[in-house]
Amino acid sequence: MIDAHIRLPNGSVMRVRKTSPVQSKRGAAQYEREVRAAVLDGTWGKKKGERSVPTFADFAARFLDTYATTNNRPSTVREKRRALGRGLLDELGRLRLDRIGTREVEAFKARRKNDGVGPKTINEELAILGKILRYAEELGELTTPLPKLRRLKTIKPKLD
């Protein structure tokens, strides 16, 4: 038997207890390595024909290449690339799309605010994150509910 405690990229721990198909110590050790790899890849518990959910970094690159370049002006695409490079990919890039929840979004906002970034900039980054997640949902890459993206309050400008 194997009893594996696997730390996921988001910091949580997943426990897997299974009977090894090969009834030996060496067979159980090999099976545990396979299970750990499958859990970290996101393929554990999925059928062979089922697709795995891409990471945010992979899908964001695809989003920029397909949706953004087709539907936005070049200056807007440049700004989206810049916003992704400033903080979104560093904070959320390694997470699978279905692992991005309200907790991760709020932690992202708190880290950006602690770095001295203004609320308007953070709101722009949240708008880009929301569009990427909605686009993933449209394509069927994301089947879980979208996280709640609460914007920060900004000071009204004196002049419009």
C-alpha atoms as a PDB file:
ATOM      1  CA  MET A   1       0.000   0.000   0.000  1.00  0.00           C
ATOM      2  CA  ILE A   2       1.025   3.596  -0.536  1.00  0.00           C
ATOM      3  CA  ASP A   3       0.151   6.536   1.671  1.00  0.00           C
ATOM      4  CA  ALA A   4       1.423   9.695  -0.001  1.00  0.00           C
ATOM      5  CA  HIS A   5       1.115  13.278   1.251  1.00  0.00           C
ATOM      6  CA  ILE A   6       1.668  15.469  -1.805  1.00  0.00           C
ATOM      7  CA  ARG A   7       2.198  19.241  -1.560  1.00  0.00           C
ATOM      8  CA  LEU A   8       0.446  20.993  -4.469  1.00  0.00           C
ATOM      9  CA  PRO A   9       1.760  24.195  -6.127  1.00  0.00           C
ATOM     10  CA  ASN A  10      -0.894  26.281  -4.357  1.00  0.00           C
ATOM     11  CA  GLY A  11       0.441  25.136  -0.966  1.00  0.00           C
ATOM     12  CA  SER A  12      -2.295  22.656  -0.041  1.00  0.00           C
ATOM     13  CA  VAL A  13      -1.558  19.013   0.703  1.00  0.00           C
ATOM     14  CA  MET A  14      -3.329  16.101  -0.958  1.00  0.00           C
ATOM     15  CA  ARG A  15      -3.316  12.646   0.594  1.00  0.00           C
ATOM     16  CA  VAL A  16      -3.520   9.562  -1.614  1.00  0.00           C
ATOM     17  CA  ARG A  17      -3.920   6.087  -0.153  1.00  0.00           C
ATOM     18  CA  LYS A  18      -4.046   3.269  -2.667  1.00  0.00           C
ATOM     19  CA  THR A  19      -3.129  -0.363  -3.034  1.00  0.00           C
ATOM     20  CA  SER A  20      -0.186  -0.874  -5.329  1.00  0.00           C
ATOM     21  CA  PRO A  21      -0.817  -3.073  -8.384  1.00  0.00           C
ATOM     22  CA  VAL A  22       2.534  -4.798  -7.806  1.00  0.00           C
ATOM     23  CA  GLN A  23       2.683  -6.413  -4.373  1.00  0.00           C
ATOM     24  CA  SER A  24       6.286  -5.650  -3.460  1.00  0.00           C
ATOM     25  CA  LYS A  25       8.145  -2.819  -1.790  1.00  0.00           C
ATOM     26  CA  ARG A  26       9.846  -1.841  -5.044  1.00  0.00           C
ATOM     27  CA  GLY A  27       6.527  -1.981  -6.927  1.00  0.00           C
ATOM     28  CA  ALA A  28       4.828   0.194  -4.300  1.00  0.00           C
ATOM     29  CA  ALA A  29       7.668   2.750  -4.455  1.00  0.00           C
ATOM     30  CA  GLN A  30       7.366   2.927  -8.257  1.00  0.00           C
ATOM     31  CA  TYR A  31       3.578   3.265  -8.026  1.00  0.00           C
ATOM     32  CA  GLU A  32       3.942   6.100  -5.485  1.00  0.00           C
ATOM     33  CA  ARG A  33       6.293   7.972  -7.856  1.00  0.00           C
ATOM     34  CA  GLU A  34       3.747   7.570 -10.674  1.00  0.00           C
ATOM     35  CA  VAL A  35       0.912   8.792  -8.441  1.00  0.00           C
ATOM     36  CA  ARG A  36       2.934  11.834  -7.287  1.00  0.00           C
ATOM     37  CA  ALA A  37       3.751  12.758 -10.892  1.00  0.00           C
ATOM     38  CA  ALA A  38       0.110  12.349 -11.954  1.00  0.00           C
ATOM     39  CA  VAL A  39      -1.161  14.518  -9.073  1.00  0.00           C
ATOM     40  CA  LEU A  40       1.336  17.293  -9.833  1.00  0.00           C
ATOM     41  CA  ASP A  41       0.535  17.121 -13.573  1.00  0.00           C
ATOM     42  CA  GLY A  42      -3.166  17.334 -12.856  1.00  0.00           C
ATOM     43  CA  THR A  43      -3.954  14.014 -14.530  1.00  0.00           C
ATOM     44  CA  TRP A  44      -4.627  12.029 -11.340  1.00  0.00           C
ATOM     45  CA  GLY A  45      -8.139  10.645 -11.240  1.00  0.00           C
ATOM     46  CA  LYS A  46      -8.922  11.584 -14.841  1.00  0.00           C
ATOM     47  CA  LYS A  47      -9.808   9.228 -17.628  1.00  0.00           C
ATOM     48  CA  LYS A  48      -7.400   8.717 -20.511  1.00  0.00           C
ATOM     49  CA  GLY A  49      -9.488  10.721 -23.002  1.00  0.00           C
ATOM     50  CA  GLU A  50     -10.016  13.634 -20.621  1.00  0.00           C
ATOM     51  CA  ARG A  51      -7.962  16.772 -21.192  1.00  0.00           C
ATOM     52  CA  SER A  52      -6.046  18.329 -18.354  1.00  0.00           C
ATOM     53  CA  VAL A  53      -6.541  21.970 -17.456  1.00  0.00           C
ATOM     54  CA  PRO A  54      -3.665  24.227 -18.640  1.00  0.00           C
ATOM     55  CA  THR A  55      -1.688  26.470 -16.345  1.00  0.00           C
ATOM     56  CA  PHE A  56      -2.435  30.179 -16.290  1.00  0.00           C
ATOM     57  CA  ALA A  57       0.901  30.995 -17.969  1.00  0.00           C
ATOM     58  CA  ASP A  58       0.277  28.582 -20.857  1.00  0.00           C
ATOM     59  CA  PHE A  59      -3.267  29.760 -21.420  1.00  0.00           C
ATOM     60  CA  ALA A  60      -2.328  33.458 -21.123  1.00  0.00           C
ATOM     61  CA  ALA A  61       0.222  33.036 -23.925  1.00  0.00           C
ATOM     62  CA  ARG A  62      -2.426  31.344 -26.074  1.00  0.00           C
ATOM     63  CA  PHE A  63      -4.919  34.094 -25.173  1.00  0.00           C
ATOM     64  CA  LEU A  64      -2.507  36.809 -26.321  1.00  0.00           C
ATOM     65  CA  ASP A  65      -1.688  34.988 -29.562  1.00  0.00           C
ATOM     66  CA  THR A  66      -5.272  34.232 -30.531  1.00  0.00           C
ATOM     67  CA  TYR A  67      -7.888  36.433 -28.871  1.00  0.00           C
ATOM     68  CA  ALA A  68      -5.982  39.606 -28.006  1.00  0.00           C
ATOM     69  CA  THR A  69      -4.126  40.057 -31.298  1.00  0.00           C
ATOM     70  CA  THR A  70      -7.345  39.458 -33.236  1.00  0.00           C
ATOM     71  CA  ASN A  71      -9.776  41.565 -31.204  1.00  0.00           C
ATOM     72  CA  ASN A  72      -7.632  44.357 -29.714  1.00  0.00           C
ATOM     73  CA  ARG A  73      -5.527  47.211 -30.999  1.00  0.00           C
ATOM     74  CA  PRO A  74      -1.753  46.645 -30.980  1.00  0.00           C
ATOM     75  CA  SER A  75      -1.313  49.136 -28.135  1.00  0.00           C
ATOM     76  CA  THR A  76      -3.863  47.231 -26.044  1.00  0.00           C
ATOM     77  CA  VAL A  77      -2.075  43.934 -26.742  1.00  0.00           C
ATOM     78  CA  ARG A  78       1.213  45.545 -25.631  1.00  0.00           C
ATOM     79  CA  GLU A  79      -0.418  46.744 -22.413  1.00  0.00           C
ATOM     80  CA  LYS A  80      -1.844  43.278 -21.722  1.00  0.00           C
ATOM     81  CA  ARG A  81       1.597  41.710 -22.256  1.00  0.00           C
ATOM     82  CA  ARG A  82       3.117  44.290 -19.925  1.00  0.00           C
ATOM     83  CA  ALA A  83       0.474  43.723 -17.232  1.00  0.00           C
ATOM     84  CA  LEU A  84       0.967  39.973 -17.413  1.00  0.00           C
ATOM     85  CA  GLY A  85       4.726  40.391 -17.091  1.00  0.00           C
ATOM     86  CA  ARG A  86       4.479  42.856 -14.195  1.00  0.00           C
ATOM     87  CA  GLY A  87       2.846  40.539 -11.718  1.00  0.00           C
ATOM     88  CA  LEU A  88       0.123  38.223 -12.945  1.00  0.00           C
ATOM     89  CA  LEU A  89       2.414  35.537 -14.360  1.00  0.00           C
ATOM     90  CA  ASP A  90       4.768  35.718 -11.370  1.00  0.00           C
ATOM     91  CA  GLU A  91       1.942  35.218  -8.889  1.00  0.00           C
ATOM     92  CA  LEU A  92      -0.520  32.979 -10.757  1.00  0.00           C
ATOM     93  CA  GLY A  93       1.429  31.593 -13.726  1.00  0.00           C
ATOM     94  CA  ARG A  94       2.230  28.194 -12.240  1.00  0.00           C
ATOM     95  CA  LEU A  95      -1.354  27.517 -11.110  1.00  0.00           C
ATOM     96  CA  ARG A  96      -3.803  25.547 -13.231  1.00  0.00           C
ATOM     97  CA  LEU A  97      -6.800  27.597 -14.322  1.00  0.00           C
ATOM     98  CA  ASP A  98      -9.191  25.607 -12.135  1.00  0.00           C
ATOM     99  CA  ARG A  99      -6.974  26.229  -9.073  1.00  0.00           C
ATOM    100  CA  ILE A 100      -7.286  30.025  -9.303  1.00  0.00           C
ATOM    101  CA  GLY A 101      -9.879  30.976  -6.728  1.00  0.00           C
ATOM    102  CA  THR A 102     -10.912  33.981  -4.705  1.00  0.00           C
ATOM    103  CA  ARG A 103      -8.197  33.239  -2.118  1.00  0.00           C
ATOM    104  CA  GLU A 104      -5.436  33.386  -4.758  1.00  0.00           C
ATOM    105  CA  VAL A 105      -6.876  36.567  -6.298  1.00  0.00           C
ATOM    106  CA  GLU A 106      -7.085  38.317  -2.924  1.00  0.00           C
ATOM    107  CA  ALA A 107      -3.505  37.254  -2.103  1.00  0.00           C
ATOM    108  CA  PHE A 108      -2.396  38.654  -5.472  1.00  0.00           C
ATOM    109  CA  LYS A 109      -4.109  41.974  -4.729  1.00  0.00           C
ATOM    110  CA  ALA A 110      -2.547  42.167  -1.258  1.00  0.00           C
ATOM    111  CA  ARG A 111       0.964  41.445  -2.579  1.00  0.00           C
ATOM    112  CA  ARG A 112       0.658  44.021  -5.343  1.00  0.00           C
ATOM    113  CA  LYS A 113      -0.647  46.628  -2.881  1.00  0.00           C
ATOM    114  CA  ASN A 114       2.234  45.877  -0.479  1.00  0.00           C
ATOM    115  CA  ASP A 115       4.658  46.389  -3.392  1.00  0.00           C
ATOM    116  CA  GLY A 116       3.375  49.966  -3.689  1.00  0.00           C
ATOM    117  CA  VAL A 117       1.275  49.488  -6.828  1.00  0.00           C
ATOM    118  CA  GLY A 118      -1.689  51.861  -7.150  1.00  0.00           C
ATOM    119  CA  PRO A 119      -5.298  50.663  -7.034  1.00  0.00           C
ATOM    120  CA  LYS A 120      -6.000  51.689 -10.645  1.00  0.00           C
ATOM    121  CA  THR A 121      -3.115  49.524 -11.904  1.00  0.00           C
ATOM    122  CA  ILE A 122      -4.260  46.578  -9.793  1.00  0.00           C
ATOM    123  CA  ASN A 123      -7.805  46.976 -11.152  1.00  0.00           C
ATOM    124  CA  GLU A 124      -6.462  46.938 -14.717  1.00  0.00           C
ATOM    125  CA  GLU A 125      -4.576  43.717 -13.966  1.00  0.00           C
ATOM    126  CA  LEU A 126      -7.736  42.214 -12.454  1.00  0.00           C
ATOM    127  CA  ALA A 127      -9.675  43.150 -15.598  1.00  0.00           C
ATOM    128  CA  ILE A 128      -7.116  41.299 -17.743  1.00  0.00           C
ATOM    129  CA  LEU A 129      -7.212  38.289 -15.394  1.00  0.00           C
ATOM    130  CA  GLY A 130     -11.016  38.243 -15.564  1.00  0.00           C
ATOM    131  CA  LYS A 131     -11.029  38.377 -19.362  1.00  0.00           C
ATOM    132  CA  ILE A 132      -8.539  35.518 -19.615  1.00  0.00           C
ATOM    133  CA  LEU A 133     -10.609  33.381 -17.242  1.00  0.00           C
ATOM    134  CA  ARG A 134     -13.873  34.173 -19.074  1.00  0.00           C
ATOM    135  CA  TYR A 135     -12.226  33.315 -22.405  1.00  0.00           C
ATOM    136  CA  ALA A 136     -11.019  30.005 -20.943  1.00  0.00           C
ATOM    137  CA  GLU A 137     -14.575  29.307 -19.839  1.00  0.00           C
ATOM    138  CA  GLU A 138     -15.898  30.092 -23.342  1.00  0.00           C
ATOM    139  CA  LEU A 139     -13.418  27.645 -24.889  1.00  0.00           C
ATOM    140  CA  GLY A 140     -14.302  24.924 -22.399  1.00  0.00           C
ATOM    141  CA  GLU A 141     -10.847  24.878 -20.792  1.00  0.00           C
ATOM    142  CA  LEU A 142     -12.324  25.942 -17.447  1.00  0.00           C
ATOM    143  CA  THR A 143     -15.330  24.091 -16.085  1.00  0.00           C
ATOM    144  CA  THR A 144     -15.184  25.321 -12.484  1.00  0.00           C
ATOM    145  CA  PRO A 145     -16.994  28.522 -11.466  1.00  0.00           C
ATOM    146  CA  LEU A 146     -15.047  31.736 -11.977  1.00  0.00           C
ATOM    147  CA  PRO A 147     -13.587  33.393  -8.865  1.00  0.00           C
ATOM    148  CA  LYS A 148     -15.084  36.635  -7.626  1.00  0.00           C
ATOM    149  CA  LEU A 149     -12.882  39.529  -8.765  1.00  0.00           C
ATOM    150  CA  ARG A 150     -13.532  42.447  -6.430  1.00  0.00           C
ATOM    151  CA  ARG A 151     -11.976  45.676  -7.621  1.00  0.00           C
ATOM    152  CA  LEU A 152     -10.228  48.124  -5.321  1.00  0.00           C
ATOM    153  CA  LYS A 153     -11.726  51.530  -4.639  1.00  0.00           C
ATOM    154  CA  THR A 154     -10.007  54.328  -6.514  1.00  0.00           C
ATOM    155  CA  ILE A 155     -10.004  58.063  -5.956  1.00  0.00           C
ATOM    156  CA  LYS A 156     -12.135  59.974  -8.442  1.00  0.00           C
ATOM    157  CA  PRO A 157     -10.000  62.231 -10.643  1.00  0.00           C
ATOM    158  CA  LYS A 158     -10.538  65.964 -10.258  1.00  0.00           C
ATOM    159  CA  LEU A 159     -10.935  66.360 -14.003  1.00  0.00           C
ATOM    160  CA  ASP A 160     -12.578  63.932 -16.419  1.00  0.00           C
END
